Amino acid sequence: MTELLPTLATFPWASSVDIEVRGGTPGELTVWHLGDLVACEPYDGRGTISLGTLPAGCYGIELTQGDEVVRTAVEVSLDASARHRYGFVVDYSPDRDVSGVTDLARRLHLTDVQFYDWAYRHADLLGGGDETVVGALSAYGVALGRAFQIADDILDATGDPNQTGKSATDAANGKLTATALFGVEGAREMAHNARDEALAALNSFGSSADALRDLARFVVEREK
């Protein structure tokens, strides 16, 4: 299974945007920004993709390998230190392998960028793209992305493969998940808190944001 993992959660402006490719084979790479095609070029199968420097903004990345398409997203910021962050503290013995934890953190940040980019591009559906709207949708996207990833970890741990459609779980693939770190109930509480954060971010919107509210509820209630 191919996986794309950007080397940073947010790339500072004027720095190279690099993406680690795990399990990749040669294919075609495409880069999108707000629905516009930025680049399309062949990928030679090496373990790292370097996109060079990109203007500030959010970008969707697709790698097509035959019938398989894998995606991720990156953010390039003029002030990377100003971006919202979240995290957790874990105590490890000196010889403990922490790669699973760092991979989990990278996946959570990437999911947030994907939903943030979607919300930003659709700001006009909620009545405009001024700073207040974009700020609220950014907060919504961060919380929604976190809720989605944690709920996905819960499905991996508790769901029926025949219903979820997953032939192999992240845990079976050696990936450290939220349920492995905090237990199923702890992860479920985190997902519900993230859902509530997403809903709270939409408080300034009326019924025009009901579809986004339904989406926030769906990502933690879904069964597949």
Foldseek 3Di string as FASTA:
>chain_A
DKDKFWPDLAAEAQAKTKIFIPPDAKFWKWKDFLRHTDDIDIDHGDGMDIPGGDPFGKMKMWTDDPPDIYIWMYGYDNDVVPDDDDDDDDDDDPPDDCPLVVRQRRQLSGLLSVQLRVQQSCLVLQPDNDPLSSVLSSQLSSLLSNLLQLLLLLLLVDADCVVVVDPHGCVNVVHDHPCNVQNNVRSLVSSVVSLVSNVVSCVVGDCSCVVSNVSSVCSNVDRD
